[in-house]
N, C-alpha and C. Protein backbone atom coordinates (compact mmCIF):
# COMPACT_ATOMS: atom_id res chain seq x y z
N UNK A 1 32.83 47.14 226.60
CA UNK A 1 32.22 47.00 227.92
C UNK A 1 33.29 46.64 228.95
N UNK A 2 33.32 47.36 230.03
CA UNK A 2 34.30 47.11 231.09
C UNK A 2 33.83 45.94 231.95
N UNK A 3 34.76 45.06 232.31
CA UNK A 3 34.46 43.89 233.14
C UNK A 3 35.00 44.12 234.55
N UNK A 4 34.19 43.79 235.55
CA UNK A 4 34.62 43.94 236.94
C UNK A 4 35.71 42.92 237.26
N UNK A 5 36.62 43.31 238.11
CA UNK A 5 37.76 42.45 238.43
C UNK A 5 37.34 41.11 239.04
N UNK A 6 36.17 41.07 239.71
CA UNK A 6 35.73 39.82 240.32
C UNK A 6 35.33 38.77 239.28
N UNK A 7 35.19 39.20 238.02
CA UNK A 7 34.73 38.28 237.00
C UNK A 7 35.81 37.60 236.20
N UNK A 8 37.05 38.08 236.28
CA UNK A 8 38.10 37.56 235.40
C UNK A 8 38.25 36.05 235.49
N UNK A 9 38.41 35.53 236.69
CA UNK A 9 38.68 34.09 236.86
C UNK A 9 37.48 33.26 236.40
N UNK A 10 36.27 33.71 236.73
CA UNK A 10 35.07 32.96 236.34
C UNK A 10 34.92 32.93 234.82
N UNK A 11 35.12 34.07 234.18
CA UNK A 11 34.98 34.15 232.72
C UNK A 11 36.00 33.24 232.03
N UNK A 12 37.23 33.26 232.50
CA UNK A 12 38.27 32.41 231.90
C UNK A 12 37.94 30.94 232.10
N UNK A 13 37.50 30.57 233.30
CA UNK A 13 37.18 29.18 233.60
C UNK A 13 36.00 28.69 232.74
N UNK A 14 34.93 29.47 232.69
CA UNK A 14 33.76 29.08 231.90
C UNK A 14 34.12 28.98 230.42
N UNK A 15 34.87 29.96 229.91
CA UNK A 15 35.29 29.93 228.51
C UNK A 15 36.12 28.71 228.18
N UNK A 16 37.04 28.35 229.08
CA UNK A 16 37.89 27.18 228.85
C UNK A 16 37.08 25.89 228.85
N UNK A 17 36.16 25.75 229.81
CA UNK A 17 35.35 24.52 229.90
C UNK A 17 34.47 24.37 228.66
N UNK A 18 33.79 25.44 228.26
CA UNK A 18 32.91 25.37 227.09
C UNK A 18 33.70 25.07 225.82
N UNK A 19 34.88 25.67 225.69
CA UNK A 19 35.71 25.41 224.51
C UNK A 19 36.15 23.96 224.46
N UNK A 20 36.54 23.40 225.60
CA UNK A 20 36.98 22.00 225.64
C UNK A 20 35.84 21.04 225.31
N UNK A 21 34.64 21.34 225.84
CA UNK A 21 33.50 20.46 225.57
C UNK A 21 33.15 20.50 224.09
N UNK A 22 33.13 21.71 223.50
CA UNK A 22 32.83 21.81 222.07
C UNK A 22 33.88 21.11 221.22
N UNK A 23 35.14 21.26 221.60
CA UNK A 23 36.22 20.59 220.87
C UNK A 23 36.08 19.07 220.98
N UNK A 24 35.72 18.58 222.16
CA UNK A 24 35.54 17.15 222.38
C UNK A 24 34.42 16.60 221.48
N UNK A 25 33.32 17.32 221.41
CA UNK A 25 32.20 16.87 220.58
C UNK A 25 32.58 16.80 219.10
N UNK A 26 33.38 17.74 218.66
CA UNK A 26 33.83 17.74 217.26
C UNK A 26 34.78 16.57 216.99
N UNK A 27 35.69 16.31 217.91
CA UNK A 27 36.65 15.22 217.72
C UNK A 27 35.97 13.86 217.74
N UNK A 28 34.90 13.75 218.50
CA UNK A 28 34.16 12.50 218.57
C UNK A 28 33.18 12.35 217.42
N UNK A 29 33.16 13.36 216.55
CA UNK A 29 32.30 13.35 215.37
C UNK A 29 30.82 13.12 215.74
N UNK A 30 30.42 13.81 216.78
CA UNK A 30 29.01 13.78 217.19
C UNK A 30 28.17 14.41 216.09
N UNK A 31 26.93 13.97 215.95
CA UNK A 31 26.05 14.44 214.88
C UNK A 31 25.93 15.96 214.93
N UNK A 32 25.87 16.60 213.77
CA UNK A 32 25.81 18.06 213.69
C UNK A 32 24.56 18.63 214.34
N UNK A 33 23.49 17.82 214.46
CA UNK A 33 22.28 18.27 215.13
C UNK A 33 22.51 18.47 216.63
N UNK A 34 23.59 17.90 217.13
CA UNK A 34 23.97 18.10 218.53
C UNK A 34 25.05 19.19 218.63
N UNK A 35 26.04 19.11 217.75
CA UNK A 35 27.17 20.04 217.83
C UNK A 35 26.74 21.49 217.67
N UNK A 36 25.96 21.79 216.62
CA UNK A 36 25.61 23.19 216.34
C UNK A 36 24.72 23.81 217.41
N UNK A 37 23.65 23.14 217.85
CA UNK A 37 22.84 23.73 218.93
C UNK A 37 23.64 23.92 220.22
N UNK A 38 24.51 22.94 220.53
CA UNK A 38 25.31 23.07 221.75
C UNK A 38 26.28 24.24 221.63
N UNK A 39 26.86 24.44 220.44
CA UNK A 39 27.78 25.56 220.23
C UNK A 39 27.05 26.89 220.41
N UNK A 40 25.82 26.96 219.90
CA UNK A 40 25.04 28.20 220.03
C UNK A 40 24.69 28.45 221.50
N UNK A 41 24.24 27.39 222.18
CA UNK A 41 23.91 27.53 223.61
C UNK A 41 25.14 27.90 224.43
N UNK A 42 26.28 27.32 224.10
CA UNK A 42 27.53 27.62 224.80
C UNK A 42 27.89 29.09 224.64
N UNK A 43 27.76 29.57 223.40
CA UNK A 43 28.10 30.98 223.14
C UNK A 43 27.16 31.90 223.91
N UNK A 44 25.85 31.57 223.90
CA UNK A 44 24.89 32.39 224.64
C UNK A 44 25.17 32.41 226.13
N UNK A 45 25.52 31.24 226.69
CA UNK A 45 25.82 31.17 228.12
C UNK A 45 27.08 31.97 228.44
N UNK A 46 28.08 31.89 227.57
CA UNK A 46 29.31 32.64 227.80
C UNK A 46 29.04 34.15 227.78
N UNK A 47 28.21 34.59 226.84
CA UNK A 47 27.86 36.02 226.78
C UNK A 47 27.14 36.44 228.05
N UNK A 48 26.25 35.57 228.56
CA UNK A 48 25.56 35.86 229.82
C UNK A 48 26.55 36.04 230.98
N UNK A 49 27.53 35.14 231.07
CA UNK A 49 28.52 35.22 232.15
C UNK A 49 29.32 36.52 232.04
N UNK A 50 29.74 36.86 230.84
CA UNK A 50 30.48 38.11 230.64
C UNK A 50 29.61 39.29 231.03
N UNK A 51 28.36 39.27 230.60
CA UNK A 51 27.44 40.37 230.90
C UNK A 51 27.19 40.50 232.40
N UNK A 52 27.14 39.37 233.10
CA UNK A 52 26.89 39.41 234.54
C UNK A 52 27.95 40.23 235.27
N UNK A 53 29.19 40.13 234.82
CA UNK A 53 30.29 40.82 235.50
C UNK A 53 30.58 42.21 234.89
N UNK A 54 29.63 42.73 234.14
CA UNK A 54 29.84 44.05 233.53
C UNK A 54 29.92 45.13 234.61
N UNK A 55 30.70 46.13 234.30
CA UNK A 55 30.87 47.28 235.18
C UNK A 55 30.61 48.54 234.34
N UNK A 56 29.33 48.86 234.12
CA UNK A 56 29.00 49.93 233.18
C UNK A 56 29.38 51.32 233.69
N UNK A 57 29.65 52.21 232.75
CA UNK A 57 29.87 53.61 233.12
C UNK A 57 28.58 54.17 233.68
N UNK A 58 28.68 54.96 234.71
CA UNK A 58 27.48 55.45 235.38
C UNK A 58 27.74 56.84 235.96
N UNK A 59 26.75 57.73 235.81
CA UNK A 59 26.81 59.05 236.45
C UNK A 59 26.19 58.90 237.84
N UNK A 60 27.00 59.03 238.89
CA UNK A 60 26.53 58.79 240.25
C UNK A 60 25.80 60.00 240.82
N UNK A 61 24.93 59.71 241.79
CA UNK A 61 24.23 60.75 242.54
C UNK A 61 24.95 60.95 243.86
N UNK A 62 25.40 62.17 244.10
CA UNK A 62 26.05 62.49 245.38
C UNK A 62 25.16 63.48 246.13
N UNK A 63 24.77 63.10 247.35
CA UNK A 63 23.89 63.94 248.14
C UNK A 63 24.11 63.61 249.61
N UNK A 64 24.68 64.54 250.34
CA UNK A 64 25.01 64.28 251.75
C UNK A 64 23.77 64.19 252.63
N UNK A 65 22.62 64.55 252.09
CA UNK A 65 21.37 64.48 252.85
C UNK A 65 20.53 63.27 252.45
N UNK A 66 21.11 62.36 251.69
CA UNK A 66 20.32 61.24 251.15
C UNK A 66 21.07 59.91 251.27
N UNK A 67 20.28 58.84 251.29
CA UNK A 67 20.78 57.48 251.19
C UNK A 67 20.57 57.03 249.75
N UNK A 68 21.65 56.58 249.10
CA UNK A 68 21.60 56.14 247.71
C UNK A 68 21.52 54.62 247.67
N UNK A 69 20.79 54.09 246.70
CA UNK A 69 20.68 52.63 246.57
C UNK A 69 22.06 52.00 246.50
N UNK A 70 22.33 50.99 247.33
CA UNK A 70 23.65 50.32 247.31
C UNK A 70 23.79 49.30 246.19
N UNK A 71 22.69 49.01 245.49
CA UNK A 71 22.73 47.98 244.44
C UNK A 71 21.62 48.19 243.44
N UNK A 72 21.80 47.65 242.24
CA UNK A 72 20.73 47.60 241.25
C UNK A 72 19.73 46.52 241.66
N UNK A 73 18.47 46.70 241.30
CA UNK A 73 17.49 45.66 241.56
C UNK A 73 16.10 46.20 241.80
N UNK A 74 15.29 45.42 242.50
CA UNK A 74 13.90 45.77 242.75
C UNK A 74 13.65 45.83 244.26
N UNK A 75 12.90 46.84 244.70
CA UNK A 75 12.56 46.97 246.11
C UNK A 75 11.54 45.89 246.47
N UNK A 76 11.92 45.02 247.43
CA UNK A 76 11.02 43.92 247.82
C UNK A 76 10.56 44.03 249.27
N UNK A 77 11.18 44.91 250.06
CA UNK A 77 10.77 45.11 251.45
C UNK A 77 10.92 46.58 251.81
N UNK A 78 9.86 47.14 252.39
CA UNK A 78 9.93 48.45 253.08
C UNK A 78 9.10 48.27 254.33
N UNK A 79 9.74 48.21 255.48
CA UNK A 79 8.97 47.98 256.70
C UNK A 79 9.72 48.45 257.94
N UNK A 80 8.94 48.74 258.96
CA UNK A 80 9.52 49.07 260.26
C UNK A 80 9.82 47.77 260.98
N UNK A 81 11.01 47.67 261.53
CA UNK A 81 11.44 46.41 262.14
C UNK A 81 12.41 46.71 263.28
N UNK A 82 12.51 45.79 264.22
CA UNK A 82 13.52 45.92 265.26
C UNK A 82 14.72 45.08 264.84
N UNK A 83 15.82 45.74 264.57
CA UNK A 83 17.03 45.05 264.12
C UNK A 83 17.69 44.40 265.34
N UNK A 84 17.87 43.07 265.26
CA UNK A 84 18.27 42.30 266.44
C UNK A 84 19.78 42.03 266.54
N UNK A 85 20.49 42.13 265.42
CA UNK A 85 21.89 41.71 265.45
C UNK A 85 22.81 42.73 266.11
N UNK A 86 22.64 44.01 265.77
CA UNK A 86 23.59 45.01 266.24
C UNK A 86 22.90 46.27 266.78
N UNK A 87 21.95 46.81 266.04
CA UNK A 87 21.35 48.08 266.41
C UNK A 87 20.44 47.96 267.64
N UNK A 88 19.69 46.85 267.72
CA UNK A 88 18.78 46.59 268.84
C UNK A 88 17.81 47.75 269.06
N UNK A 89 17.24 48.23 267.98
CA UNK A 89 16.26 49.30 268.07
C UNK A 89 15.36 49.23 266.84
N UNK A 90 14.25 49.95 266.88
CA UNK A 90 13.37 50.00 265.73
C UNK A 90 13.97 50.88 264.65
N UNK A 91 13.87 50.41 263.43
CA UNK A 91 14.40 51.17 262.30
C UNK A 91 13.62 50.78 261.06
N UNK A 92 13.96 51.38 259.94
CA UNK A 92 13.29 51.07 258.68
C UNK A 92 14.19 50.18 257.84
N UNK A 93 13.64 49.05 257.41
CA UNK A 93 14.38 48.15 256.54
C UNK A 93 13.93 48.35 255.10
N UNK A 94 14.90 48.51 254.21
CA UNK A 94 14.65 48.55 252.77
C UNK A 94 15.49 47.45 252.15
N UNK A 95 14.86 46.57 251.38
CA UNK A 95 15.57 45.45 250.78
C UNK A 95 15.51 45.52 249.26
N UNK A 96 16.64 45.26 248.63
CA UNK A 96 16.76 45.27 247.17
C UNK A 96 17.12 43.87 246.70
N UNK A 97 16.26 43.29 245.86
CA UNK A 97 16.53 41.98 245.28
C UNK A 97 17.23 42.15 243.94
N UNK A 98 18.36 41.45 243.78
CA UNK A 98 19.12 41.49 242.54
C UNK A 98 18.95 40.17 241.80
N UNK A 99 18.41 40.21 240.60
CA UNK A 99 18.31 39.01 239.78
C UNK A 99 19.65 38.79 239.08
N UNK A 100 19.87 37.61 238.49
CA UNK A 100 21.12 37.39 237.76
C UNK A 100 21.36 38.35 236.60
N UNK A 101 20.32 39.08 236.18
CA UNK A 101 20.48 40.02 235.07
C UNK A 101 20.94 41.39 235.52
N UNK A 102 20.90 41.66 236.83
CA UNK A 102 21.31 42.97 237.34
C UNK A 102 22.83 43.08 237.45
N UNK A 103 23.33 44.31 237.47
CA UNK A 103 24.72 44.56 237.84
C UNK A 103 24.84 44.25 239.34
N UNK A 104 25.87 43.49 239.73
CA UNK A 104 25.97 43.01 241.11
C UNK A 104 27.05 43.70 241.94
N UNK A 105 27.48 44.85 241.49
CA UNK A 105 28.41 45.66 242.29
C UNK A 105 27.64 46.31 243.43
N UNK A 106 28.21 46.30 244.64
CA UNK A 106 27.59 46.94 245.80
C UNK A 106 28.37 48.19 246.18
N UNK A 107 27.63 49.26 246.51
CA UNK A 107 28.25 50.56 246.79
C UNK A 107 27.75 51.11 248.12
N UNK A 108 28.63 51.86 248.80
CA UNK A 108 28.22 52.50 250.05
C UNK A 108 27.09 53.48 249.78
N UNK A 109 26.00 53.40 250.55
CA UNK A 109 24.85 54.28 250.32
C UNK A 109 25.05 55.71 250.80
N UNK A 110 26.07 55.92 251.63
CA UNK A 110 26.37 57.26 252.13
C UNK A 110 27.80 57.25 252.67
N UNK A 111 28.29 58.42 253.01
CA UNK A 111 29.64 58.52 253.58
C UNK A 111 29.60 58.23 255.08
N UNK A 112 30.71 57.77 255.61
CA UNK A 112 30.77 57.50 257.04
C UNK A 112 31.98 56.65 257.39
N UNK A 113 31.99 56.15 258.62
CA UNK A 113 33.07 55.29 259.11
C UNK A 113 32.52 53.91 259.42
N UNK A 114 33.20 52.89 258.93
CA UNK A 114 32.78 51.50 259.19
C UNK A 114 33.15 51.15 260.63
N UNK A 115 32.16 50.76 261.42
CA UNK A 115 32.44 50.39 262.81
C UNK A 115 32.35 48.89 263.05
N UNK A 116 31.73 48.16 262.10
CA UNK A 116 31.73 46.69 262.15
C UNK A 116 31.60 46.15 260.73
N UNK A 117 32.28 45.03 260.48
CA UNK A 117 32.16 44.32 259.21
C UNK A 117 32.31 42.83 259.52
N UNK A 118 31.19 42.11 259.46
CA UNK A 118 31.14 40.75 259.97
C UNK A 118 30.60 39.80 258.91
N UNK A 119 31.22 38.64 258.77
CA UNK A 119 30.73 37.60 257.85
C UNK A 119 30.03 36.51 258.64
N UNK A 120 28.85 36.07 258.14
CA UNK A 120 28.10 34.99 258.77
C UNK A 120 27.92 33.86 257.77
N UNK A 121 28.26 32.65 258.16
CA UNK A 121 27.91 31.49 257.35
C UNK A 121 26.41 31.24 257.51
N UNK A 122 25.82 30.54 256.53
CA UNK A 122 24.39 30.29 256.64
C UNK A 122 23.85 29.45 255.50
N UNK A 123 22.52 29.51 255.33
CA UNK A 123 21.81 28.70 254.34
C UNK A 123 21.86 29.37 252.96
N UNK A 124 21.17 28.75 252.01
CA UNK A 124 21.06 29.27 250.65
C UNK A 124 19.58 29.38 250.26
N UNK A 125 18.78 29.99 251.13
CA UNK A 125 17.38 30.21 250.81
C UNK A 125 17.29 31.22 249.66
N UNK A 126 16.21 31.17 248.86
CA UNK A 126 16.03 32.20 247.83
C UNK A 126 16.11 33.59 248.43
N UNK A 127 16.77 34.52 247.75
CA UNK A 127 17.03 35.84 248.32
C UNK A 127 15.76 36.63 248.59
N UNK A 128 14.65 36.30 247.90
CA UNK A 128 13.40 37.03 248.14
C UNK A 128 12.66 36.52 249.37
N UNK A 129 13.12 35.40 249.95
CA UNK A 129 12.52 34.85 251.16
C UNK A 129 12.86 35.75 252.35
N UNK A 130 11.86 36.22 253.14
CA UNK A 130 12.16 37.10 254.28
C UNK A 130 13.18 36.52 255.26
N UNK A 131 13.19 35.17 255.41
CA UNK A 131 14.12 34.54 256.35
C UNK A 131 15.57 34.62 255.87
N UNK A 132 15.79 34.92 254.59
CA UNK A 132 17.16 34.99 254.08
C UNK A 132 17.98 36.06 254.79
N UNK A 133 17.31 37.09 255.29
CA UNK A 133 18.00 38.20 255.95
C UNK A 133 18.73 37.77 257.21
N UNK A 134 18.21 36.73 257.87
CA UNK A 134 18.81 36.28 259.13
C UNK A 134 19.37 34.87 259.09
N UNK A 135 19.00 34.07 258.05
CA UNK A 135 19.42 32.68 258.02
C UNK A 135 20.42 32.34 256.92
N UNK A 136 20.52 33.17 255.89
CA UNK A 136 21.44 32.87 254.79
C UNK A 136 22.86 33.32 255.10
N UNK A 137 23.80 32.83 254.28
CA UNK A 137 25.15 33.39 254.34
C UNK A 137 25.06 34.88 254.04
N UNK A 138 25.77 35.69 254.81
CA UNK A 138 25.61 37.14 254.67
C UNK A 138 26.79 37.87 255.31
N UNK A 139 26.93 39.13 254.96
CA UNK A 139 27.84 40.01 255.68
C UNK A 139 27.02 41.14 256.28
N UNK A 140 27.44 41.60 257.43
CA UNK A 140 26.82 42.74 258.09
C UNK A 140 27.84 43.86 258.18
N UNK A 141 27.47 45.03 257.68
CA UNK A 141 28.35 46.20 257.73
C UNK A 141 27.62 47.30 258.48
N UNK A 142 28.25 47.85 259.49
CA UNK A 142 27.66 48.91 260.30
C UNK A 142 28.50 50.17 260.13
N UNK A 143 27.82 51.31 259.90
CA UNK A 143 28.53 52.57 259.69
C UNK A 143 27.99 53.66 260.59
N UNK A 144 28.90 54.51 261.03
CA UNK A 144 28.51 55.74 261.71
C UNK A 144 28.48 56.85 260.66
N UNK A 145 27.33 57.51 260.53
CA UNK A 145 27.12 58.47 259.46
C UNK A 145 26.48 59.75 259.99
N UNK A 146 26.27 60.70 259.10
CA UNK A 146 25.57 61.94 259.47
C UNK A 146 24.11 61.68 259.87
N UNK A 147 23.58 60.52 259.46
CA UNK A 147 22.20 60.16 259.78
C UNK A 147 22.10 59.37 261.07
N UNK A 148 23.24 59.06 261.67
CA UNK A 148 23.27 58.17 262.81
C UNK A 148 23.90 56.84 262.40
N UNK A 149 23.65 55.80 263.16
CA UNK A 149 24.20 54.49 262.84
C UNK A 149 23.28 53.77 261.86
N UNK A 150 23.82 53.32 260.74
CA UNK A 150 23.05 52.53 259.78
C UNK A 150 23.72 51.18 259.59
N UNK A 151 22.95 50.21 259.16
CA UNK A 151 23.45 48.85 258.96
C UNK A 151 22.96 48.35 257.62
N UNK A 152 23.81 47.63 256.91
CA UNK A 152 23.37 46.99 255.69
C UNK A 152 24.02 45.63 255.54
N UNK A 153 23.32 44.75 254.80
CA UNK A 153 23.77 43.37 254.66
C UNK A 153 23.82 42.97 253.19
N UNK A 154 24.85 42.23 252.84
CA UNK A 154 24.89 41.49 251.58
C UNK A 154 24.40 40.09 251.90
N UNK A 155 23.42 39.61 251.15
CA UNK A 155 22.82 38.31 251.46
C UNK A 155 22.91 37.39 250.25
N UNK A 156 23.47 36.23 250.44
CA UNK A 156 23.54 35.24 249.37
C UNK A 156 22.16 34.65 249.14
N UNK A 157 21.90 34.23 247.90
CA UNK A 157 20.62 33.59 247.58
C UNK A 157 20.81 32.12 247.24
N UNK A 158 19.80 31.54 246.61
CA UNK A 158 19.86 30.13 246.23
C UNK A 158 20.89 29.89 245.14
N UNK A 159 21.15 30.92 244.32
CA UNK A 159 22.11 30.78 243.23
C UNK A 159 23.47 31.36 243.60
N UNK A 160 23.46 32.44 244.40
CA UNK A 160 24.72 33.11 244.76
C UNK A 160 25.65 32.14 245.48
N UNK A 161 26.91 32.15 245.11
CA UNK A 161 27.87 31.23 245.71
C UNK A 161 29.07 31.94 246.33
N UNK A 162 29.12 33.25 246.21
CA UNK A 162 30.23 33.95 246.82
C UNK A 162 29.88 35.40 247.08
N UNK A 163 30.07 35.82 248.32
CA UNK A 163 29.92 37.22 248.70
C UNK A 163 31.32 37.81 248.85
N UNK A 164 31.58 38.88 248.16
CA UNK A 164 32.86 39.57 248.29
C UNK A 164 32.61 40.86 249.05
N UNK A 165 33.31 41.06 250.15
CA UNK A 165 33.14 42.24 250.99
C UNK A 165 34.50 42.90 251.21
N UNK A 166 34.63 44.14 250.74
CA UNK A 166 35.90 44.86 250.89
C UNK A 166 35.97 45.67 252.19
N UNK A 167 34.85 45.80 252.90
CA UNK A 167 34.79 46.67 254.08
C UNK A 167 35.61 46.11 255.23
N UNK A 168 36.29 47.00 255.91
CA UNK A 168 37.02 46.64 257.12
C UNK A 168 36.71 47.66 258.20
N UNK A 169 36.76 47.20 259.43
CA UNK A 169 36.50 48.08 260.57
C UNK A 169 37.43 49.29 260.54
N UNK A 170 36.88 50.45 260.80
CA UNK A 170 37.57 51.75 260.84
C UNK A 170 37.84 52.33 259.45
N UNK A 171 37.37 51.66 258.39
CA UNK A 171 37.49 52.26 257.05
C UNK A 171 36.69 53.56 256.97
N UNK A 172 37.24 54.52 256.25
CA UNK A 172 36.51 55.75 255.94
C UNK A 172 35.86 55.56 254.57
N UNK A 173 34.53 55.52 254.54
CA UNK A 173 33.80 55.21 253.30
C UNK A 173 33.23 56.46 252.66
N UNK A 174 33.28 56.49 251.35
CA UNK A 174 32.69 57.58 250.58
C UNK A 174 31.43 57.10 249.88
N UNK A 175 30.46 57.97 249.75
CA UNK A 175 29.22 57.61 249.08
C UNK A 175 29.51 57.09 247.66
N UNK A 176 28.91 55.97 247.31
CA UNK A 176 29.02 55.30 246.01
C UNK A 176 30.34 54.57 245.78
N UNK A 177 31.24 54.58 246.75
CA UNK A 177 32.46 53.79 246.66
C UNK A 177 32.09 52.31 246.73
N UNK A 178 32.74 51.47 245.95
CA UNK A 178 32.45 50.03 246.00
C UNK A 178 32.82 49.44 247.36
N UNK A 179 31.89 48.64 247.90
CA UNK A 179 32.24 47.90 249.12
C UNK A 179 32.15 46.40 248.93
N UNK A 180 31.67 45.95 247.75
CA UNK A 180 31.62 44.51 247.56
C UNK A 180 30.94 44.10 246.27
N UNK A 181 30.78 42.79 246.13
CA UNK A 181 30.21 42.18 244.93
C UNK A 181 29.59 40.85 245.36
N UNK A 182 28.40 40.53 244.81
CA UNK A 182 27.78 39.24 245.09
C UNK A 182 27.61 38.51 243.77
N UNK A 183 28.10 37.29 243.70
CA UNK A 183 28.05 36.54 242.45
C UNK A 183 26.70 35.83 242.30
N UNK A 184 25.95 36.26 241.30
CA UNK A 184 24.65 35.73 240.89
C UNK A 184 23.54 36.19 241.85
N UNK A 185 22.33 35.61 241.74
CA UNK A 185 21.16 36.17 242.42
C UNK A 185 21.37 36.42 243.90
N UNK A 186 20.91 37.55 244.41
CA UNK A 186 21.21 37.91 245.77
C UNK A 186 20.35 39.09 246.22
N UNK A 187 20.70 39.65 247.37
CA UNK A 187 19.87 40.70 247.97
C UNK A 187 20.74 41.58 248.88
N UNK A 188 20.35 42.85 249.00
CA UNK A 188 20.98 43.76 249.96
C UNK A 188 19.88 44.37 250.82
N UNK A 189 20.04 44.28 252.14
CA UNK A 189 19.15 44.94 253.10
C UNK A 189 19.87 46.14 253.68
N UNK A 190 19.11 47.22 253.91
CA UNK A 190 19.68 48.38 254.57
C UNK A 190 18.72 48.83 255.66
N UNK A 191 19.25 49.14 256.84
CA UNK A 191 18.45 49.53 258.00
C UNK A 191 18.81 50.97 258.37
N UNK A 192 17.83 51.85 258.34
CA UNK A 192 18.06 53.28 258.54
C UNK A 192 17.12 53.81 259.62
N UNK A 193 17.43 54.99 260.20
CA UNK A 193 16.58 55.56 261.26
C UNK A 193 15.15 55.81 260.78
N UNK A 194 14.19 55.66 261.70
CA UNK A 194 12.79 55.89 261.38
C UNK A 194 12.51 57.34 260.99
N UNK A 195 13.38 58.24 261.41
CA UNK A 195 13.17 59.67 261.12
C UNK A 195 13.38 60.03 259.65
N UNK A 196 13.99 59.13 258.89
CA UNK A 196 14.28 59.44 257.50
C UNK A 196 13.05 59.22 256.62
N UNK A 197 12.96 59.99 255.54
CA UNK A 197 11.85 59.90 254.60
C UNK A 197 12.18 58.89 253.51
N UNK A 198 11.31 57.92 253.32
CA UNK A 198 11.51 56.91 252.27
C UNK A 198 11.07 57.51 250.93
N UNK A 199 11.89 57.38 249.92
CA UNK A 199 11.61 58.00 248.61
C UNK A 199 11.41 56.95 247.50
N UNK A 200 11.27 55.68 247.89
CA UNK A 200 11.00 54.62 246.91
C UNK A 200 9.74 53.88 247.31
N UNK A 201 9.23 53.05 246.40
CA UNK A 201 8.02 52.27 246.64
C UNK A 201 8.30 50.79 246.41
N UNK A 202 7.41 49.96 246.92
CA UNK A 202 7.53 48.52 246.69
C UNK A 202 7.53 48.22 245.19
N UNK A 203 8.39 47.26 244.81
CA UNK A 203 8.52 46.78 243.42
C UNK A 203 9.15 47.82 242.49
N UNK A 204 9.62 48.93 243.02
CA UNK A 204 10.30 49.91 242.18
C UNK A 204 11.69 49.40 241.80
N UNK A 205 12.08 49.63 240.56
CA UNK A 205 13.42 49.29 240.11
C UNK A 205 14.36 50.43 240.48
N UNK A 206 15.48 50.10 241.11
CA UNK A 206 16.45 51.11 241.53
C UNK A 206 17.81 50.81 240.93
N UNK A 207 18.66 51.82 240.90
CA UNK A 207 19.98 51.71 240.30
C UNK A 207 21.04 52.08 241.33
N UNK A 208 21.99 51.17 241.56
CA UNK A 208 23.03 51.40 242.54
C UNK A 208 23.86 52.64 242.21
N UNK A 209 24.03 53.50 243.20
CA UNK A 209 24.82 54.71 243.02
C UNK A 209 24.06 55.86 242.38
N UNK A 210 22.77 55.63 242.05
CA UNK A 210 21.99 56.67 241.38
C UNK A 210 20.67 57.00 242.07
N UNK A 211 19.90 55.96 242.43
CA UNK A 211 18.56 56.18 242.96
C UNK A 211 18.59 56.55 244.43
N UNK A 212 17.97 57.66 244.79
CA UNK A 212 17.82 58.05 246.20
C UNK A 212 16.71 57.20 246.80
N UNK A 213 17.02 56.46 247.87
CA UNK A 213 16.00 55.62 248.49
C UNK A 213 15.46 56.21 249.79
N UNK A 214 16.19 57.17 250.38
CA UNK A 214 15.73 57.83 251.60
C UNK A 214 16.48 59.15 251.76
N UNK A 215 15.86 60.09 252.49
CA UNK A 215 16.50 61.39 252.71
C UNK A 215 16.09 61.93 254.07
N UNK A 216 16.81 62.94 254.53
CA UNK A 216 16.47 63.58 255.81
C UNK A 216 15.15 64.32 255.69
């Protein structure tokens, strides 16, 4: 299994801490009813951490007439909304909630040019909370595309502690190219023109780089 580069330091740190704690318990001759269960739990937790940073092989969907899901997860919002930060117009918001079990790599939903990439400090509300879109720590990325101007956000959740954003202003982005990573539970919002056809439903599970979420 391939591990994403954002996971190396975390995996090494967690592995070292768990190893030291287990070694300490053995040296202190703690009762085996404590040592063995803790060792099993430690191993399970370490496997979870490694799995979280997995970067699986994937056959991507390329379609110049479509918006592809930027992340794995579940559709939790599909609604018409007036985007207040940058677009200042009515558009369609689609939100994808990523649980800690999902792959957390974020990918460009279509090709285009990055015209803004902004980081906002904020709260740590649960990512499924509607207010997280405007009140949590987040990044805002705006692109000029064949569909017009679209905007998407990486949003930290109650568990997420780091948003990684590779996008820079004036970057030329390709569909399904990585633009970032969010560590642990989180959410991605995408705002697209009302003229586009939505091809997903509420609570549908989508796959980053594969599932078409909207088309011309």
